[in-house]
C-alpha atoms as a PDB file:
ATOM      1  CA  MET A   1      -7.154 -21.376  10.724  1.00  0.00           C
ATOM      2  CA  ILE A   2     -10.713 -21.019   9.485  1.00  0.00           C
ATOM      3  CA  PHE A   3     -10.631 -17.360  10.475  1.00  0.00           C
ATOM      4  CA  LEU A   4      -7.502 -16.788   8.401  1.00  0.00           C
ATOM      5  CA  ALA A   5      -9.056 -18.478   5.379  1.00  0.00           C
ATOM      6  CA  ALA A   6     -12.150 -16.296   5.739  1.00  0.00           C
ATOM      7  CA  LEU A   7      -9.947 -13.223   6.071  1.00  0.00           C
ATOM      8  CA  ILE A   8      -8.058 -14.050   2.889  1.00  0.00           C
ATOM      9  CA  MET A   9     -11.180 -14.843   0.899  1.00  0.00           C
ATOM     10  CA  ALA A  10     -13.139 -11.811   2.121  1.00  0.00           C
ATOM     11  CA  SER A  11     -14.347  -9.474  -0.593  1.00  0.00           C
ATOM     12  CA  HIS A  12     -14.215  -5.719  -0.043  1.00  0.00           C
ATOM     13  CA  GLY A  13     -14.469  -3.395  -3.021  1.00  0.00           C
ATOM     14  CA  ASN A  14     -14.709  -4.079  -6.716  1.00  0.00           C
ATOM     15  CA  GLY A  15     -13.676  -7.710  -6.760  1.00  0.00           C
ATOM     16  CA  PRO A  16     -12.668 -10.646  -4.603  1.00  0.00           C
ATOM     17  CA  TYR A  17      -9.017  -9.556  -4.534  1.00  0.00           C
ATOM     18  CA  ASP A  18      -9.666  -5.847  -4.040  1.00  0.00           C
ATOM     19  CA  TRP A  19      -9.584  -5.516  -0.262  1.00  0.00           C
ATOM     20  CA  HIS A  20      -7.244  -3.916   2.234  1.00  0.00           C
ATOM     21  CA  MET A  21      -6.440  -4.029   5.929  1.00  0.00           C
ATOM     22  CA  SER A  22      -5.066  -1.466   8.348  1.00  0.00           C
ATOM     23  CA  CYS A  23      -1.495  -1.546   9.583  1.00  0.00           C
ATOM     24  CA  ASP A  24      -2.643  -2.277  13.142  1.00  0.00           C
ATOM     25  CA  ARG A  25      -4.794  -5.167  11.984  1.00  0.00           C
ATOM     26  CA  TRP A  26      -1.928  -6.601   9.912  1.00  0.00           C
ATOM     27  CA  GLN A  27       0.459  -6.367  12.846  1.00  0.00           C
ATOM     28  CA  ASN A  28      -2.008  -8.146  15.144  1.00  0.00           C
ATOM     29  CA  ARG A  29      -2.729 -10.877  12.589  1.00  0.00           C
ATOM     30  CA  SER A  30       1.017 -11.321  11.982  1.00  0.00           C
ATOM     31  CA  ILE A  31       1.582 -11.983  15.676  1.00  0.00           C
ATOM     32  CA  GLU A  32      -1.257 -14.537  15.656  1.00  0.00           C
ATOM     33  CA  ILE A  33       0.205 -16.230  12.577  1.00  0.00           C
ATOM     34  CA  ILE A  34       3.688 -16.351  14.129  1.00  0.00           C
ATOM     35  CA  ALA A  35       2.234 -18.089  17.191  1.00  0.00           C
ATOM     36  CA  ASP A  36       0.307 -20.688  15.150  1.00  0.00           C
ATOM     37  CA  ALA A  37       2.281 -23.915  15.562  1.00  0.00           C
ATOM     38  CA  LYS A  38      -0.015 -25.689  13.067  1.00  0.00           C
ATOM     39  CA  LEU A  39       1.599 -23.768  10.215  1.00  0.00           C
ATOM     40  CA  SER A  40       5.097 -24.423   8.953  1.00  0.00           C
ATOM     41  CA  LEU A  41       7.623 -21.604   8.999  1.00  0.00           C
ATOM     42  CA  LYS A  42       7.298 -21.272   5.215  1.00  0.00           C
ATOM     43  CA  GLN A  43       3.492 -21.064   5.415  1.00  0.00           C
ATOM     44  CA  ARG A  44       3.662 -18.432   8.155  1.00  0.00           C
ATOM     45  CA  GLU A  45       6.119 -16.290   6.215  1.00  0.00           C
ATOM     46  CA  HIS A  46       4.040 -16.576   3.027  1.00  0.00           C
ATOM     47  CA  LEU A  47       0.789 -15.647   4.743  1.00  0.00           C
ATOM     48  CA  ILE A  48       2.357 -12.675   6.543  1.00  0.00           C
ATOM     49  CA  ARG A  49       3.896 -11.380   3.300  1.00  0.00           C
ATOM     50  CA  TYR A  50       0.584 -11.851   1.452  1.00  0.00           C
ATOM     51  CA  LEU A  51      -1.360  -9.930   4.083  1.00  0.00           C
ATOM     52  CA  ARG A  52       1.309  -7.196   4.171  1.00  0.00           C
ATOM     53  CA  GLY A  53       0.559  -6.623   0.510  1.00  0.00           C
ATOM     54  CA  LYS A  54      -3.019  -5.773   1.508  1.00  0.00           C
ATOM     55  CA  VAL A  55      -1.880  -2.880   3.740  1.00  0.00           C
ATOM     56  CA  GLU A  56      -1.913   0.518   2.083  1.00  0.00           C
ATOM     57  CA  GLY A  57       0.754   3.006   3.059  1.00  0.00           C
ATOM     58  CA  PRO A  58       3.698   2.803   5.430  1.00  0.00           C
ATOM     59  CA  CYS A  59       3.628   0.211   8.179  1.00  0.00           C
ATOM     60  CA  PRO A  60       6.503  -0.944  10.421  1.00  0.00           C
ATOM     61  CA  ASP A  61       7.343  -4.621  10.116  1.00  0.00           C
ATOM     62  CA  VAL A  62       6.637  -7.058  12.913  1.00  0.00           C
ATOM     63  CA  THR A  63       9.752  -8.513  14.546  1.00  0.00           C
ATOM     64  CA  PHE A  64      10.033 -12.185  13.616  1.00  0.00           C
ATOM     65  CA  ALA A  65      12.405 -13.152  16.401  1.00  0.00           C
ATOM     66  CA  THR A  66       9.756 -15.513  17.818  1.00  0.00           C
ATOM     67  CA  ILE A  67       9.546 -17.714  14.706  1.00  0.00           C
END
């Protein structure tokens, strides 16, 4: 959980909200978030959607059948 908070608060670029992640990294983090039983379903979905917004360009969605 601490890692995710650090990831969200990381600053890359012109300001604290101006950072991006690769599609591969987003897909891997999404799988980790899905598997995190400490987060509610709503929290997991929100975090995955937020991080998806940080990916530039096309990126296939992760299958959420495991949620």
